């Protein structure tokens, strides 16, 4: 498994890791910083993580996904630090022989990551800033 917390996400890393001759499907989710939220203009986001626990939880999610679906590989990469609109902040990637398993596992992984992994984001608007829950 490819499990990382990084300052800057390289969008080519996960697909390169997941591909193989036996792979029939690679499913990637790329979470980006958008420039609006709840009717306000977002200037930037700051991400913080309790990295030892976050990496442990990300590894656990990858293992659980491999138990639930017939996956070849799992990649979970999350960014921390100051991020501008348009920048990637998370990649979830899985490879499998068939697309159904990869779609289901990828969806489950991003939901569980947001629910269980200790990574927090603060949104900065023109007039204030707020810590944001992973699930609105």
Foldseek 3Di string as FASTA:
>chain_A
DAFEEEAADDVVPVVVVADDPQFQDKDKDWDFAAQDDPHFGWAKKAKDAPPVQLRVVLVVLQVVLVVVAVWDGWHWYAYGGIGGGPGTGIMTMTTHNDDVSRVVSSVVSLVVSLVPGGMWMKTDTPPGIGTDRSPD
